Amino acid sequence: ATKGAAAHQTGAARHSLATPETVMSVTPADHTLNVNGTDAIRV
């Protein structure tokens, strides 16, 4: 139990120390009109 708690704390610490992920862009952009419905959606 002690090791599990330590591992959980280590994982949480890893996530907290890692640089947060962010979304740079979504295509088609938000509120875009008249999109061709067969186009790819890219993030």
PDB file of all heavy atoms in Angstrom:
ATOM      1  N   ALA A   1       0.838  -1.204   0.000  1.00  0.00           N
ATOM      2  CA  ALA A   1       0.000   0.000   0.000  1.00  0.00           C
ATOM      3  C   ALA A   1       0.860   1.235   0.000  1.00  0.00           C
ATOM      4  O   ALA A   1       0.571   2.233  -0.678  1.00  0.00           O
ATOM      5  CB  ALA A   1      -0.932  -0.023   1.209  1.00  0.00           C
ATOM      6  N   THR A   2       1.933   1.190   0.771  1.00  0.00           N
ATOM      7  CA  THR A   2       2.834   2.344   0.833  1.00  0.00           C
ATOM      8  C   THR A   2       3.481   2.586  -0.517  1.00  0.00           C
ATOM      9  O   THR A   2       3.572   3.722  -1.001  1.00  0.00           O
ATOM     10  CB  THR A   2       3.920   2.119   1.899  1.00  0.00           C
ATOM     11  OG1 THR A   2       3.280   1.912   3.142  1.00  0.00           O
ATOM     12  CG2 THR A   2       4.846   3.312   1.989  1.00  0.00           C
ATOM     13  N   LYS A   3       3.914   1.474  -1.180  1.00  0.00           N
ATOM     14  CA  LYS A   3       4.537   1.628  -2.493  1.00  0.00           C
ATOM     15  C   LYS A   3       3.526   2.137  -3.524  1.00  0.00           C
ATOM     16  O   LYS A   3       3.846   2.953  -4.382  1.00  0.00           O
ATOM     17  CB  LYS A   3       5.104   0.290  -2.950  1.00  0.00           C
ATOM     18  CG  LYS A   3       6.324  -0.147  -2.153  1.00  0.00           C
ATOM     19  CD  LYS A   3       6.815  -1.506  -2.641  1.00  0.00           C
ATOM     20  CE  LYS A   3       8.040  -1.951  -1.847  1.00  0.00           C
ATOM     21  NZ  LYS A   3       8.517  -3.280  -2.297  1.00  0.00           N
ATOM     22  N   GLY A   4       2.254   1.617  -3.440  1.00  0.00           N
ATOM     23  CA  GLY A   4       1.224   2.077  -4.381  1.00  0.00           C
ATOM     24  C   GLY A   4       0.948   3.551  -4.221  1.00  0.00           C
ATOM     25  O   GLY A   4       0.811   4.291  -5.194  1.00  0.00           O
ATOM     26  N   ALA A   5       0.853   3.979  -2.960  1.00  0.00           N
ATOM     27  CA  ALA A   5       0.627   5.399  -2.709  1.00  0.00           C
ATOM     28  C   ALA A   5       1.786   6.220  -3.237  1.00  0.00           C
ATOM     29  O   ALA A   5       1.605   7.295  -3.819  1.00  0.00           O
ATOM     30  CB  ALA A   5       0.425   5.637  -1.213  1.00  0.00           C
ATOM     31  N   ALA A   6       2.979   5.692  -3.050  1.00  0.00           N
ATOM     32  CA  ALA A   6       4.156   6.418  -3.533  1.00  0.00           C
ATOM     33  C   ALA A   6       4.152   6.495  -5.052  1.00  0.00           C
ATOM     34  O   ALA A   6       4.485   7.528  -5.640  1.00  0.00           O
ATOM     35  CB  ALA A   6       5.426   5.729  -3.036  1.00  0.00           C
ATOM     36  N   ALA A   7       3.777   5.370  -5.701  1.00  0.00           N
ATOM     37  CA  ALA A   7       3.733   5.370  -7.168  1.00  0.00           C
ATOM     38  C   ALA A   7       2.693   6.355  -7.676  1.00  0.00           C
ATOM     39  O   ALA A   7       2.909   7.062  -8.656  1.00  0.00           O
ATOM     40  CB  ALA A   7       3.413   3.958  -7.675  1.00  0.00           C
ATOM     41  N   HIS A   8       1.513   6.381  -7.024  1.00  0.00           N
ATOM     42  CA  HIS A   8       0.470   7.326  -7.420  1.00  0.00           C
ATOM     43  C   HIS A   8       0.955   8.759  -7.276  1.00  0.00           C
ATOM     44  O   HIS A   8       0.753   9.601  -8.166  1.00  0.00           O
ATOM     45  CB  HIS A   8      -0.786   7.105  -6.572  1.00  0.00           C
ATOM     46  CG  HIS A   8      -1.880   8.097  -6.865  1.00  0.00           C
ATOM     47  ND1 HIS A   8      -2.671   8.021  -7.980  1.00  0.00           N
ATOM     48  CD2 HIS A   8      -2.289   9.196  -6.155  1.00  0.00           C
ATOM     49  CE1 HIS A   8      -3.523   9.013  -7.983  1.00  0.00           C
ATOM     50  NE2 HIS A   8      -3.318   9.739  -6.879  1.00  0.00           N
ATOM     51  N   GLN A   9       1.632   9.014  -6.136  1.00  0.00           N
ATOM     52  CA  GLN A   9       2.165  10.366  -5.927  1.00  0.00           C
ATOM     53  C   GLN A   9       3.213  10.699  -6.961  1.00  0.00           C
ATOM     54  O   GLN A   9       3.283  11.820  -7.464  1.00  0.00           O
ATOM     55  CB  GLN A   9       2.737  10.469  -4.505  1.00  0.00           C
ATOM     56  CG  GLN A   9       1.671  10.405  -3.409  1.00  0.00           C
ATOM     57  CD  GLN A   9       2.275  10.327  -2.030  1.00  0.00           C
ATOM     58  OE1 GLN A   9       3.499  10.246  -1.886  1.00  0.00           O
ATOM     59  NE2 GLN A   9       1.421  10.330  -1.014  1.00  0.00           N
ATOM     60  N   THR A  10       4.021   9.666  -7.336  1.00  0.00           N
ATOM     61  CA  THR A  10       5.055   9.912  -8.346  1.00  0.00           C
ATOM     62  C   THR A  10       4.424  10.219  -9.693  1.00  0.00           C
ATOM     63  O   THR A  10       4.847  11.129 -10.404  1.00  0.00           O
ATOM     64  CB  THR A  10       5.972   8.677  -8.471  1.00  0.00           C
ATOM     65  OG1 THR A  10       6.566   8.407  -7.214  1.00  0.00           O
ATOM     66  CG2 THR A  10       7.051   8.911  -9.520  1.00  0.00           C
ATOM     67  N   GLY A  11       3.344   9.413 -10.080  1.00  0.00           N
ATOM     68  CA  GLY A  11       2.660   9.671 -11.345  1.00  0.00           C
ATOM     69  C   GLY A  11       2.013  11.030 -11.362  1.00  0.00           C
ATOM     70  O   GLY A  11       2.096  11.766 -12.342  1.00  0.00           O
ATOM     71  N   ALA A  12       1.337  11.373 -10.254  1.00  0.00           N
ATOM     72  CA  ALA A  12       0.711  12.695 -10.178  1.00  0.00           C
ATOM     73  C   ALA A  12       1.761  13.782 -10.267  1.00  0.00           C
ATOM     74  O   ALA A  12       1.562  14.816 -10.926  1.00  0.00           O
ATOM     75  CB  ALA A  12      -0.071  12.803  -8.869  1.00  0.00           C
ATOM     76  N   ALA A  13       2.876  13.532  -9.585  1.00  0.00           N
ATOM     77  CA  ALA A  13       3.953  14.528  -9.635  1.00  0.00           C
ATOM     78  C   ALA A  13       4.484  14.656 -11.054  1.00  0.00           C
ATOM     79  O   ALA A  13       4.805  15.761 -11.518  1.00  0.00           O
ATOM     80  CB  ALA A  13       5.070  14.127  -8.664  1.00  0.00           C
ATOM     81  N   ARG A  14       4.563  13.485 -11.786  1.00  0.00           N
ATOM     82  CA  ARG A  14       5.072  13.533 -13.145  1.00  0.00           C
ATOM     83  C   ARG A  14       4.170  14.394 -14.020  1.00  0.00           C
ATOM     84  O   ARG A  14       4.633  15.208 -14.816  1.00  0.00           O
ATOM     85  CB  ARG A  14       5.159  12.115 -13.711  1.00  0.00           C
ATOM     86  CG  ARG A  14       5.838  12.051 -15.080  1.00  0.00           C
ATOM     87  CD  ARG A  14       5.767  10.660 -15.683  1.00  0.00           C
ATOM     88  NE  ARG A  14       6.323   9.661 -14.788  1.00  0.00           N
ATOM     89  CZ  ARG A  14       5.625   8.675 -14.261  1.00  0.00           C
ATOM     90  NH1 ARG A  14       4.330   8.561 -14.527  1.00  0.00           N
ATOM     91  NH2 ARG A  14       6.171   7.795 -13.437  1.00  0.00           N
ATOM     92  N   HIS A  15       2.823  14.153 -13.896  1.00  0.00           N
ATOM     93  CA  HIS A  15       1.878  14.949 -14.693  1.00  0.00           C
ATOM     94  C   HIS A  15       1.942  16.416 -14.303  1.00  0.00           C
ATOM     95  O   HIS A  15       1.842  17.303 -15.149  1.00  0.00           O
ATOM     96  CB  HIS A  15       0.448  14.422 -14.513  1.00  0.00           C
ATOM     97  CG  HIS A  15       0.206  13.131 -15.230  1.00  0.00           C
ATOM     98  ND1 HIS A  15       0.495  12.957 -16.557  1.00  0.00           N
ATOM     99  CD2 HIS A  15      -0.282  11.940 -14.779  1.00  0.00           C
ATOM    100  CE1 HIS A  15       0.180  11.714 -16.924  1.00  0.00           C
ATOM    101  NE2 HIS A  15      -0.285  11.073 -15.844  1.00  0.00           N
ATOM    102  N   SER A  16       2.092  16.666 -13.006  1.00  0.00           N
ATOM    103  CA  SER A  16       2.101  18.056 -12.561  1.00  0.00           C
ATOM    104  C   SER A  16       3.375  18.766 -12.983  1.00  0.00           C
ATOM    105  O   SER A  16       3.377  19.973 -13.200  1.00  0.00           O
ATOM    106  CB  SER A  16       1.937  18.126 -11.029  1.00  0.00           C
ATOM    107  OG  SER A  16       3.043  17.509 -10.395  1.00  0.00           O
ATOM    108  N   LEU A  17       4.463  17.996 -13.120  1.00  0.00           N
ATOM    109  CA  LEU A  17       5.735  18.609 -13.522  1.00  0.00           C
ATOM    110  C   LEU A  17       5.848  18.742 -15.036  1.00  0.00           C
ATOM    111  O   LEU A  17       6.571  19.608 -15.525  1.00  0.00           O
ATOM    112  CB  LEU A  17       6.909  17.766 -12.983  1.00  0.00           C
ATOM    113  CG  LEU A  17       7.075  17.767 -11.458  1.00  0.00           C
ATOM    114  CD1 LEU A  17       8.180  16.799 -11.059  1.00  0.00           C
ATOM    115  CD2 LEU A  17       7.356  19.164 -10.941  1.00  0.00           C
ATOM    116  N   ALA A  18       5.122  17.867 -15.817  1.00  0.00           N
ATOM    117  CA  ALA A  18       5.200  17.926 -17.271  1.00  0.00           C
ATOM    118  C   ALA A  18       4.533  19.193 -17.791  1.00  0.00           C
ATOM    119  O   ALA A  18       3.585  19.712 -17.202  1.00  0.00           O
ATOM    120  CB  ALA A  18       4.516  16.698 -17.874  1.00  0.00           C
ATOM    121  N   THR A  19       5.059  19.685 -18.925  1.00  0.00           N
ATOM    122  CA  THR A  19       4.475  20.879 -19.544  1.00  0.00           C
ATOM    123  C   THR A  19       3.060  20.553 -20.019  1.00  0.00           C
ATOM    124  O   THR A  19       2.859  19.566 -20.738  1.00  0.00           O
ATOM    125  CB  THR A  19       5.323  21.329 -20.743  1.00  0.00           C
ATOM    126  OG1 THR A  19       6.646  21.603 -20.296  1.00  0.00           O
ATOM    127  CG2 THR A  19       4.721  22.567 -21.395  1.00  0.00           C
ATOM    128  N   PRO A  20       2.063  21.312 -19.623  1.00  0.00           N
ATOM    129  CA  PRO A  20       0.685  21.025 -20.040  1.00  0.00           C
ATOM    130  C   PRO A  20       0.550  21.016 -21.563  1.00  0.00           C
ATOM    131  O   PRO A  20       1.203  21.808 -22.262  1.00  0.00           O
ATOM    132  CB  PRO A  20      -0.125  22.157 -19.404  1.00  0.00           C
ATOM    133  CG  PRO A  20       0.715  22.632 -18.268  1.00  0.00           C
ATOM    134  CD  PRO A  20       2.138  22.471 -18.717  1.00  0.00           C
ATOM    135  N   GLU A  21      -0.296  20.133 -22.080  1.00  0.00           N
ATOM    136  CA  GLU A  21      -0.596  20.082 -23.511  1.00  0.00           C
ATOM    137  C   GLU A  21      -1.575  21.204 -23.841  1.00  0.00           C
ATOM    138  O   GLU A  21      -2.426  21.576 -23.015  1.00  0.00           O
ATOM    139  CB  GLU A  21      -1.217  18.733 -23.856  1.00  0.00           C
ATOM    140  CG  GLU A  21      -1.502  18.513 -25.329  1.00  0.00           C
ATOM    141  CD  GLU A  21      -0.255  18.351 -26.159  1.00  0.00           C
ATOM    142  OE1 GLU A  21       0.371  19.410 -26.451  1.00  0.00           O
ATOM    143  OE2 GLU A  21       0.108  17.213 -26.510  1.00  0.00           O
ATOM    144  N   THR A  22      -1.463  21.781 -25.028  1.00  0.00           N
ATOM    145  CA  THR A  22      -2.405  22.815 -25.478  1.00  0.00           C
ATOM    146  C   THR A  22      -2.795  22.547 -26.921  1.00  0.00           C
ATOM    147  O   THR A  22      -2.088  21.867 -27.667  1.00  0.00           O
ATOM    148  CB  THR A  22      -1.792  24.232 -25.384  1.00  0.00           C
ATOM    149  OG1 THR A  22      -0.601  24.288 -26.189  1.00  0.00           O
ATOM    150  CG2 THR A  22      -1.459  24.593 -23.947  1.00  0.00           C
ATOM    151  N   VAL A  23      -3.945  23.070 -27.297  1.00  0.00           N
ATOM    152  CA  VAL A  23      -4.417  22.982 -28.684  1.00  0.00           C
ATOM    153  C   VAL A  23      -3.964  24.232 -29.423  1.00  0.00           C
ATOM    154  O   VAL A  23      -4.321  25.356 -29.043  1.00  0.00           O
ATOM    155  CB  VAL A  23      -5.950  22.845 -28.744  1.00  0.00           C
ATOM    156  CG1 VAL A  23      -6.433  22.901 -30.187  1.00  0.00           C
ATOM    157  CG2 VAL A  23      -6.394  21.550 -28.082  1.00  0.00           C
ATOM    158  N   MET A  24      -3.182  24.045 -30.470  1.00  0.00           N
ATOM    159  CA  MET A  24      -2.674  25.175 -31.251  1.00  0.00           C
ATOM    160  C   MET A  24      -3.696  25.646 -32.285  1.00  0.00           C
ATOM    161  O   MET A  24      -3.863  26.835 -32.509  1.00  0.00           O
ATOM    162  CB  MET A  24      -1.372  24.786 -31.947  1.00  0.00           C
ATOM    163  CG  MET A  24      -0.288  24.256 -31.006  1.00  0.00           C
ATOM    164  SD  MET A  24       0.162  25.463 -29.736  1.00  0.00           S
ATOM    165  CE  MET A  24       0.955  26.721 -30.732  1.00  0.00           C
ATOM    166  N   SER A  25      -4.417  24.696 -32.916  1.00  0.00           N
ATOM    167  CA  SER A  25      -5.416  25.071 -33.924  1.00  0.00           C
ATOM    168  C   SER A  25      -6.345  23.909 -34.206  1.00  0.00           C
ATOM    169  O   SER A  25      -5.991  22.746 -34.018  1.00  0.00           O
ATOM    170  CB  SER A  25      -4.738  25.512 -35.228  1.00  0.00           C
ATOM    171  OG  SER A  25      -4.057  24.422 -35.836  1.00  0.00           O
ATOM    172  N   VAL A  26      -7.562  24.264 -34.645  1.00  0.00           N
ATOM    173  CA  VAL A  26      -8.541  23.296 -35.146  1.00  0.00           C
ATOM    174  C   VAL A  26      -8.962  23.768 -36.525  1.00  0.00           C
ATOM    175  O   VAL A  26      -9.297  24.939 -36.716  1.00  0.00           O
ATOM    176  CB  VAL A  26      -9.766  23.188 -34.218  1.00  0.00           C
ATOM    177  CG1 VAL A  26     -10.784  22.208 -34.813  1.00  0.00           C
ATOM    178  CG2 VAL A  26      -9.370  22.750 -32.823  1.00  0.00           C
ATOM    179  N   THR A  27      -8.952  22.866 -37.500  1.00  0.00           N
ATOM    180  CA  THR A  27      -9.347  23.192 -38.872  1.00  0.00           C
ATOM    181  C   THR A  27     -10.447  22.226 -39.320  1.00  0.00           C
ATOM    182  O   THR A  27     -10.266  21.014 -39.207  1.00  0.00           O
ATOM    183  CB  THR A  27      -8.151  23.082 -39.832  1.00  0.00           C
ATOM    184  OG1 THR A  27      -7.081  23.897 -39.360  1.00  0.00           O
ATOM    185  CG2 THR A  27      -8.536  23.530 -41.240  1.00  0.00           C
ATOM    186  N   PRO A  28     -11.592  22.758 -39.787  1.00  0.00           N
ATOM    187  CA  PRO A  28     -11.975  24.156 -39.975  1.00  0.00           C
ATOM    188  C   PRO A  28     -12.031  24.919 -38.646  1.00  0.00           C
ATOM    189  O   PRO A  28     -12.356  24.343 -37.611  1.00  0.00           O
ATOM    190  CB  PRO A  28     -13.364  24.070 -40.611  1.00  0.00           C
ATOM    191  CG  PRO A  28     -13.437  22.696 -41.201  1.00  0.00           C
ATOM    192  CD  PRO A  28     -12.649  21.831 -40.287  1.00  0.00           C
ATOM    193  N   ALA A  29     -11.718  26.209 -38.725  1.00  0.00           N
ATOM    194  CA  ALA A  29     -11.686  27.030 -37.523  1.00  0.00           C
ATOM    195  C   ALA A  29     -13.079  27.208 -36.934  1.00  0.00           C
ATOM    196  O   ALA A  29     -14.099  27.006 -37.607  1.00  0.00           O
ATOM    197  CB  ALA A  29     -11.074  28.388 -37.851  1.00  0.00           C
ATOM    198  N   ASP A  30     -13.103  27.589 -35.663  1.00  0.00           N
ATOM    199  CA  ASP A  30     -14.368  27.784 -34.963  1.00  0.00           C
ATOM    200  C   ASP A  30     -15.239  28.797 -35.693  1.00  0.00           C
ATOM    201  O   ASP A  30     -14.768  29.851 -36.135  1.00  0.00           O
ATOM    202  CB  ASP A  30     -14.077  28.271 -33.537  1.00  0.00           C
ATOM    203  CG  ASP A  30     -15.303  28.189 -32.633  1.00  0.00           C
ATOM    204  OD1 ASP A  30     -16.202  27.372 -32.915  1.00  0.00           O
ATOM    205  OD2 ASP A  30     -15.341  28.929 -31.634  1.00  0.00           O
ATOM    206  N   HIS A  31     -16.523  28.464 -35.868  1.00  0.00           N
ATOM    207  CA  HIS A  31     -17.540  29.306 -36.492  1.00  0.00           C
ATOM    208  C   HIS A  31     -17.333  29.502 -38.003  1.00  0.00           C
ATOM    209  O   HIS A  31     -17.881  30.433 -38.590  1.00  0.00           O
ATOM    210  CB  HIS A  31     -17.626  30.682 -35.804  1.00  0.00           C
ATOM    211  CG  HIS A  31     -18.166  30.602 -34.420  1.00  0.00           C
ATOM    212  ND1 HIS A  31     -17.355  30.581 -33.299  1.00  0.00           N
ATOM    213  CD2 HIS A  31     -19.437  30.497 -33.960  1.00  0.00           C
ATOM    214  CE1 HIS A  31     -18.094  30.487 -32.214  1.00  0.00           C
ATOM    215  NE2 HIS A  31     -19.362  30.430 -32.588  1.00  0.00           N
ATOM    216  N   THR A  32     -16.564  28.605 -38.647  1.00  0.00           N
ATOM    217  CA  THR A  32     -16.415  28.680 -40.095  1.00  0.00           C
ATOM    218  C   THR A  32     -17.708  28.233 -40.774  1.00  0.00           C
ATOM    219  O   THR A  32     -18.336  27.259 -40.360  1.00  0.00           O
ATOM    220  CB  THR A  32     -15.254  27.793 -40.572  1.00  0.00           C
ATOM    221  OG1 THR A  32     -14.044  28.240 -39.966  1.00  0.00           O
ATOM    222  CG2 THR A  32     -15.092  27.856 -42.088  1.00  0.00           C
ATOM    223  N   LEU A  33     -18.098  28.947 -41.825  1.00  0.00           N
ATOM    224  CA  LEU A  33     -19.316  28.634 -42.577  1.00  0.00           C
ATOM    225  C   LEU A  33     -18.959  28.044 -43.944  1.00  0.00           C
ATOM    226  O   LEU A  33     -17.842  28.193 -44.421  1.00  0.00           O
ATOM    227  CB  LEU A  33     -20.165  29.888 -42.768  1.00  0.00           C
ATOM    228  CG  LEU A  33     -20.562  30.658 -41.508  1.00  0.00           C
ATOM    229  CD1 LEU A  33     -21.354  31.909 -41.892  1.00  0.00           C
ATOM    230  CD2 LEU A  33     -21.364  29.788 -40.560  1.00  0.00           C
ATOM    231  N   ASN A  34     -19.931  27.400 -44.569  1.00  0.00           N
ATOM    232  CA  ASN A  34     -19.827  26.910 -45.943  1.00  0.00           C
ATOM    233  C   ASN A  34     -18.654  25.967 -46.153  1.00  0.00           C
ATOM    234  O   ASN A  34     -17.938  26.031 -47.160  1.00  0.00           O
ATOM    235  CB  ASN A  34     -19.732  28.083 -46.924  1.00  0.00           C
ATOM    236  CG  ASN A  34     -20.948  28.973 -46.879  1.00  0.00           C
ATOM    237  OD1 ASN A  34     -22.073  28.480 -46.821  1.00  0.00           O
ATOM    238  ND2 ASN A  34     -20.739  30.282 -46.893  1.00  0.00           N
ATOM    239  N   VAL A  35     -18.465  25.061 -45.193  1.00  0.00           N
ATOM    240  CA  VAL A  35     -17.383  24.083 -45.289  1.00  0.00           C
ATOM    241  C   VAL A  35     -17.811  22.919 -46.185  1.00  0.00           C
ATOM    242  O   VAL A  35     -18.958  22.478 -46.138  1.00  0.00           O
ATOM    243  CB  VAL A  35     -17.017  23.558 -43.878  1.00  0.00           C
ATOM    244  CG1 VAL A  35     -16.023  22.397 -43.960  1.00  0.00           C
ATOM    245  CG2 VAL A  35     -16.459  24.687 -43.031  1.00  0.00           C
ATOM    246  N   ASN A  36     -16.897  22.425 -47.009  1.00  0.00           N
ATOM    247  CA  ASN A  36     -17.133  21.209 -47.776  1.00  0.00           C
ATOM    248  C   ASN A  36     -17.184  20.051 -46.795  1.00  0.00           C
ATOM    249  O   ASN A  36     -16.215  19.768 -46.085  1.00  0.00           O
ATOM    250  CB  ASN A  36     -16.004  21.010 -48.793  1.00  0.00           C
ATOM    251  CG  ASN A  36     -16.240  19.819 -49.722  1.00  0.00           C
ATOM    252  OD1 ASN A  36     -16.695  18.767 -49.307  1.00  0.00           O
ATOM    253  ND2 ASN A  36     -15.906  19.996 -50.990  1.00  0.00           N
ATOM    254  N   GLY A  37     -18.310  19.376 -46.723  1.00  0.00           N
ATOM    255  CA  GLY A  37     -18.513  18.343 -45.717  1.00  0.00           C
ATOM    256  C   GLY A  37     -17.633  17.126 -45.848  1.00  0.00           C
ATOM    257  O   GLY A  37     -17.643  16.258 -44.972  1.00  0.00           O
ATOM    258  N   THR A  38     -16.876  17.010 -46.933  1.00  0.00           N
ATOM    259  CA  THR A  38     -15.972  15.871 -47.104  1.00  0.00           C
ATOM    260  C   THR A  38     -14.538  16.217 -46.737  1.00  0.00           C
ATOM    261  O   THR A  38     -13.663  15.352 -46.832  1.00  0.00           O
ATOM    262  CB  THR A  38     -16.014  15.359 -48.557  1.00  0.00           C
ATOM    263  OG1 THR A  38     -15.563  16.402 -49.444  1.00  0.00           O
ATOM    264  CG2 THR A  38     -17.421  14.957 -48.951  1.00  0.00           C
ATOM    265  N   ASP A  39     -14.289  17.466 -46.335  1.00  0.00           N
ATOM    266  CA  ASP A  39     -12.929  17.873 -45.979  1.00  0.00           C
ATOM    267  C   ASP A  39     -12.480  17.208 -44.683  1.00  0.00           C
ATOM    268  O   ASP A  39     -13.299  16.870 -43.816  1.00  0.00           O
ATOM    269  CB  ASP A  39     -12.848  19.391 -45.810  1.00  0.00           C
ATOM    270  CG  ASP A  39     -12.914  20.126 -47.142  1.00  0.00           C
ATOM    271  OD1 ASP A  39     -12.805  19.463 -48.190  1.00  0.00           O
ATOM    272  OD2 ASP A  39     -13.086  21.358 -47.128  1.00  0.00           O
ATOM    273  N   ALA A  40     -11.159  17.048 -44.536  1.00  0.00           N
ATOM    274  CA  ALA A  40     -10.593  16.489 -43.301  1.00  0.00           C
ATOM    275  C   ALA A  40     -10.716  17.498 -42.166  1.00  0.00           C
ATOM    276  O   ALA A  40     -10.727  18.716 -42.389  1.00  0.00           O
ATOM    277  CB  ALA A  40      -9.134  16.131 -43.513  1.00  0.00           C
ATOM    278  N   ILE A  41     -10.845  16.989 -40.946  1.00  0.00           N
ATOM    279  CA  ILE A  41     -10.842  17.816 -39.736  1.00  0.00           C
ATOM    280  C   ILE A  41      -9.484  17.618 -39.065  1.00  0.00           C
ATOM    281  O   ILE A  41      -9.102  16.478 -38.776  1.00  0.00           O
ATOM    282  CB  ILE A  41     -11.981  17.416 -38.791  1.00  0.00           C
ATOM    283  CG1 ILE A  41     -13.336  17.627 -39.480  1.00  0.00           C
ATOM    284  CG2 ILE A  41     -11.914  18.211 -37.480  1.00  0.00           C
ATOM    285  CD1 ILE A  41     -14.511  17.066 -38.708  1.00  0.00           C
ATOM    286  N   ARG A  42      -8.756  18.705 -38.826  1.00  0.00           N
ATOM    287  CA  ARG A  42      -7.384  18.599 -38.319  1.00  0.00           C
ATOM    288  C   ARG A  42      -7.231  19.353 -36.997  1.00  0.00           C
ATOM    289  O   ARG A  42      -7.761  20.457 -36.838  1.00  0.00           O
ATOM    290  CB  ARG A  42      -6.400  19.145 -39.353  1.00  0.00           C
ATOM    291  CG  ARG A  42      -4.940  19.086 -38.932  1.00  0.00           C
ATOM    292  CD  ARG A  42      -4.009  19.439 -40.067  1.00  0.00           C
ATOM    293  NE  ARG A  42      -4.042  18.426 -41.121  1.00  0.00           N
ATOM    294  CZ  ARG A  42      -3.098  18.316 -42.062  1.00  0.00           C
ATOM    295  NH1 ARG A  42      -2.073  19.146 -42.074  1.00  0.00           N
ATOM    296  NH2 ARG A  42      -3.191  17.379 -42.991  1.00  0.00           N
ATOM    297  N   VAL A  43      -6.507  18.728 -36.048  1.00  0.00           N
ATOM    298  CA  VAL A  43      -6.220  19.353 -34.754  1.00  0.00           C
ATOM    299  C   VAL A  43      -4.704  19.302 -34.542  1.00  0.00           C
ATOM    300  O   VAL A  43      -4.090  18.238 -34.657  1.00  0.00           O
ATOM    301  CB  VAL A  43      -6.940  18.631 -33.601  1.00  0.00           C
ATOM    302  CG1 VAL A  43      -6.668  19.360 -32.279  1.00  0.00           C
ATOM    303  CG2 VAL A  43      -8.440  18.542 -33.862  1.00  0.00           C
TER     304      VAL A  43
END
